[in-house]
Protein backbone atom coordinates (compact mmCIF):
# COMPACT_ATOMS: atom_id res chain seq x y z
CA MET A 1 -12.80 131.88 82.02
CA TYR A 2 -11.94 135.25 79.84
CA VAL A 3 -15.25 137.30 79.17
CA ALA A 4 -14.68 140.58 78.21
CA GLY A 5 -15.75 140.09 74.42
CA ARG A 6 -19.01 138.76 75.77
CA ARG A 7 -19.46 141.62 78.69
CA VAL A 8 -18.43 144.54 74.95
CA ASN A 9 -21.74 142.35 73.31
CA ARG A 10 -24.14 142.66 76.17
CA ALA A 11 -23.53 145.78 77.08
CA LEU A 12 -23.69 147.07 73.29
CA SER A 13 -26.54 144.92 73.89
CA ARG A 14 -28.96 146.18 75.64
CA LEU A 15 -27.73 150.14 74.71
CA ALA A 16 -28.68 148.94 71.55
CA SER A 17 -32.10 147.26 72.60
CA GLU A 18 -33.36 151.05 74.83
CA GLU A 19 -31.80 152.53 71.71
CA ARG A 20 -34.12 150.55 69.68
CA LYS A 21 -37.35 150.62 71.74
CA ILE A 22 -36.22 154.54 71.71
CA PHE A 23 -36.22 154.66 68.19
CA MET A 24 -40.30 152.90 68.33
CA ALA A 25 -41.53 154.62 69.66
CA ASN A 26 -40.63 158.31 69.05
CA ASP A 27 -37.98 158.24 65.40
CA LYS A 28 -39.59 156.98 62.47
CA LYS A 29 -36.46 157.19 60.75
CA ALA A 30 -34.17 154.69 62.62
CA ARG A 31 -37.61 152.43 63.36
CA ILE A 32 -37.36 152.23 59.39
CA LEU A 33 -33.74 151.03 59.58
CA PHE A 34 -33.78 148.78 62.19
CA ALA A 35 -36.54 146.85 59.91
CA ALA A 36 -34.49 146.96 56.85
CA LEU A 37 -31.76 145.47 58.70
CA GLU A 38 -33.98 142.71 59.80
CA CYS A 39 -34.98 142.46 56.72
CA ILE A 40 -31.45 141.87 54.87
CA SER A 41 -31.12 139.40 57.19
CA GLN A 42 -33.63 137.35 56.88
CA LYS A 43 -34.31 137.67 53.06
CA GLY A 44 -31.14 139.35 51.49
CA TYR A 45 -30.19 142.66 50.01
CA ALA A 46 -32.11 141.63 46.05
CA GLY A 47 -35.35 140.18 47.86
CA THR A 48 -35.69 142.76 50.29
CA ARG A 49 -39.11 144.87 49.54
CA LEU A 50 -39.30 148.49 50.74
CA ALA A 51 -42.92 146.71 51.38
CA ASP A 52 -41.63 144.59 53.52
CA VAL A 53 -39.47 147.28 55.45
CA GLY A 54 -42.66 149.59 56.62
CA ALA A 55 -45.02 145.82 57.41
CA ILE A 56 -42.33 145.29 60.13
CA ALA A 57 -41.27 149.33 60.70
CA GLY A 58 -44.93 149.99 60.61
CA VAL A 59 -45.49 152.92 58.46
CA SER A 60 -46.12 153.40 54.96
CA VAL A 61 -44.08 153.38 51.69
CA GLY A 62 -44.28 156.11 50.02
CA LEU A 63 -43.11 157.48 54.28
CA ILE A 64 -40.29 155.32 53.56
CA GLN A 65 -39.24 156.79 50.36
CA HIS A 66 -39.40 160.66 51.95
CA TYR A 67 -36.69 160.01 54.76
CA TYR A 68 -34.88 157.31 51.85
CA GLY A 69 -35.76 158.48 48.32
CA THR A 70 -34.65 155.03 47.15
CA ARG A 71 -34.46 151.13 47.85
CA GLN A 72 -30.89 151.36 47.59
CA GLN A 73 -30.68 154.43 49.28
CA LEU A 74 -32.42 153.12 52.05
CA LEU A 75 -30.41 149.32 52.41
CA ASP A 76 -26.99 151.02 51.67
CA ASP A 77 -27.57 153.29 54.97
CA ALA A 78 -28.80 149.77 56.95
CA LEU A 79 -26.06 148.03 55.74
CA LEU A 80 -22.93 151.14 56.03
CA TYR A 81 -24.80 151.16 59.68
CA ALA A 82 -24.67 147.45 60.88
CA SER A 83 -20.80 147.87 59.31
CA ASN A 84 -20.56 150.55 61.92
CA GLU A 85 -20.82 148.62 64.94
CA LEU A 86 -18.93 146.07 64.62
CA VAL A 87 -15.70 148.80 64.77
CA ILE A 88 -17.93 150.62 67.98
CA ARG A 89 -17.23 147.23 69.84
CA PHE A 90 -13.73 147.27 68.59
CA LYS A 91 -13.46 150.21 70.20
CA GLU A 92 -14.81 149.23 72.91
CA LEU A 93 -13.04 146.22 73.88
CA ALA A 94 -9.32 147.63 73.43
CA ARG A 95 -10.90 150.45 76.00
CA SER A 96 -12.02 147.82 78.46
CA GLU A 97 -8.72 144.92 77.97
CA ARG A 98 -5.51 146.04 77.41
CA ARG A 99 -3.03 142.24 77.62
CA PRO A 100 -3.06 141.73 73.67
CA TRP A 101 -3.82 138.02 74.98
CA SER A 102 -6.64 138.43 76.94
CA ARG A 103 -7.55 141.09 73.89
CA ILE A 104 -7.25 138.27 71.43
CA ARG A 105 -9.49 136.47 72.88
CA GLY A 106 -11.95 139.00 73.38
CA MET A 107 -12.30 139.56 69.96
CA VAL A 108 -12.73 136.07 69.10
CA GLU A 109 -15.26 135.88 72.08
CA LEU A 110 -17.12 139.59 70.88
CA LEU A 111 -17.47 138.13 67.01
CA CYS A 112 -18.77 134.19 67.95
CA HIS A 113 -21.37 136.16 69.92
CA VAL A 114 -22.74 138.58 68.22
CA PRO A 115 -26.65 138.36 68.52
CA ASN A 116 -28.85 136.60 65.84
CA LEU A 117 -25.51 135.46 63.83
CA PRO A 118 -26.91 133.83 60.85
CA GLY A 119 -28.44 136.82 60.04
CA GLN A 120 -25.20 139.27 61.47
CA THR A 121 -22.90 137.11 58.95
CA ARG A 122 -25.46 137.15 55.84
CA MET A 123 -26.30 140.81 56.38
CA TRP A 124 -21.66 140.76 55.92
CA LEU A 125 -21.72 138.48 53.09
CA GLU A 126 -24.52 141.14 51.28
CA LEU A 127 -22.09 143.62 51.94
CA THR A 128 -18.94 142.04 51.01
CA GLY A 129 -21.61 140.53 47.37
CA LEU A 130 -21.85 145.48 46.85
CA VAL A 131 -19.11 146.10 47.64
CA THR A 132 -17.76 146.49 44.07
CA LYS A 133 -20.93 148.41 42.63
CA ARG A 134 -20.84 151.05 45.20
CA HIS A 135 -18.00 153.20 46.07
CA ARG A 136 -20.12 153.58 48.88
CA LEU A 137 -19.95 150.69 49.97
CA GLN A 138 -16.23 149.97 48.94
CA SER A 139 -15.31 152.95 51.46
CA GLU A 140 -17.00 151.64 54.74
CA MET A 141 -15.72 148.28 53.74
CA ALA A 142 -12.38 149.18 53.99
CA ARG A 143 -12.93 151.12 56.81
CA VAL A 144 -14.29 148.48 58.44
CA TYR A 145 -10.97 145.48 57.88
CA SER A 146 -8.95 148.39 58.43
CA ALA A 147 -10.00 148.37 62.41
CA TRP A 148 -10.42 145.27 62.28
CA ASP A 149 -6.64 144.21 60.82
CA GLN A 150 -5.32 146.95 62.92
CA HIS A 151 -6.72 146.34 66.60
CA VAL A 152 -5.35 142.28 65.61
CA ARG A 153 -1.92 144.05 64.65
CA GLU A 154 -1.51 145.75 67.80
CA ALA A 155 -2.12 143.36 70.31
CA VAL A 156 0.60 141.03 68.69
CA GLU A 157 2.84 143.44 68.43
CA GLN A 158 2.01 144.75 71.29
CA GLY A 159 2.28 140.99 73.04
CA THR A 160 5.81 140.40 71.07
CA ALA A 161 7.42 143.42 72.15
CA GLU A 162 6.58 142.30 75.99
CA GLY A 163 6.74 138.38 74.94
CA SER A 164 3.63 137.39 75.88
CA LEU A 165 3.38 135.77 72.87
CA ASP A 166 5.62 134.19 70.13
CA PRO A 167 3.96 134.60 66.88
CA SER A 168 4.57 131.43 64.86
CA GLY A 169 5.46 133.80 61.58
CA THR A 170 6.61 137.61 60.91
CA THR A 171 3.10 139.68 62.16
CA ASP A 172 1.67 140.07 58.61
CA ASP A 173 1.49 136.62 57.90
CA VAL A 174 -0.36 135.46 61.20
CA VAL A 175 -2.22 138.20 61.01
CA ALA A 176 -3.46 137.73 57.62
CA VAL A 177 -3.52 133.94 58.36
CA PHE A 178 -5.98 134.78 61.45
CA LEU A 179 -8.55 137.04 59.53
CA ALA A 180 -9.28 134.68 56.39
CA PHE A 181 -10.82 132.61 58.81
CA PHE A 182 -13.23 133.89 59.40
CA GLU A 183 -14.24 135.83 56.60
CA GLY A 184 -14.19 131.56 55.83
CA TYR A 185 -15.84 130.63 58.60
CA GLU A 186 -18.61 133.73 58.24
CA PHE A 187 -19.61 132.46 54.52
CA GLU A 188 -20.43 128.87 55.18
CA ILE A 189 -21.94 130.00 58.04
CA ALA A 190 -24.46 132.64 56.04
CA THR A 191 -24.35 129.99 53.24
CA ASN A 192 -25.68 127.06 55.54
CA LEU A 193 -22.84 125.11 54.73
CA VAL A 194 -21.47 125.06 58.85
CA SER A 195 -22.92 124.52 61.54
CA GLU A 196 -24.57 128.14 63.00
CA ASP A 197 -23.05 126.86 67.05
CA PRO A 198 -21.41 129.97 68.37
CA ARG A 199 -19.51 127.43 70.97
CA LEU A 200 -17.73 125.55 68.05
CA LEU A 201 -17.06 128.85 65.84
CA GLU A 202 -15.24 130.19 68.83
CA GLN A 203 -13.00 126.57 70.17
CA ARG A 204 -11.93 126.18 66.11
CA ALA A 205 -10.84 130.45 66.30
CA LEU A 206 -9.66 130.15 69.94
CA MET A 207 -7.51 126.58 68.31
CA LEU A 208 -6.50 128.93 65.09
CA ALA A 209 -5.57 131.63 67.61
CA ARG A 210 -3.26 129.93 70.02
CA LEU A 211 -1.69 128.16 67.21
CA LEU A 212 -0.60 131.41 65.26
CA PHE A 213 0.21 134.13 68.19
CA ARG A 214 1.40 131.45 70.34
CA PRO A 215 0.54 132.70 74.39
CA VAL A 216 3.55 131.66 76.43
CA ASP A 217 2.39 128.99 79.69
CA GLY A 218 -0.05 130.54 81.72
CA LEU A 219 -2.22 133.05 78.91
CA ARG A 220 -3.66 129.38 77.45
């Protein structure tokens, strides 16, 4: 079974864990940022208060305001950090896996097996709901979506050129459908409409990927 996406997730999760320990011990500003992310994943953007963040980070509300100024600034910074982590994982996967179909499978596994999938989807939903109100977040959302689109598109174009993939439609169409699947599924998980089972999500995503990108016999 192909596990590049999971290897990237595990490696980055270990790095994140180590960084988090360092931050928790030595960097109060970063500790506050991680605490804000935890609050958003549990309570949502609107439900997160500075007192909640301070309780998790073990700092005063005054110190949070010293570092971040306002609640909006802190929560926006936390969401920007989380979205940038996704871009980093896409880049790591692209460097570690060159074969088009394996890269697509790796992207599927990466997205389906992120730590705390329900919390991640809730944060993503919060971000999408705020983009029309915050220009800064809108720009970041566009950057993350563009990176996701680019990595899938490059794999499809490379596979088509070398004959390892035989897409069922134009590159624009198959990539758009593939991305829309994840956007819809993430919304359903975040709103508790479907099971948060990562294996079921991966199974359905790979089924769709095979129908859209049609890897040649022997690669399925």
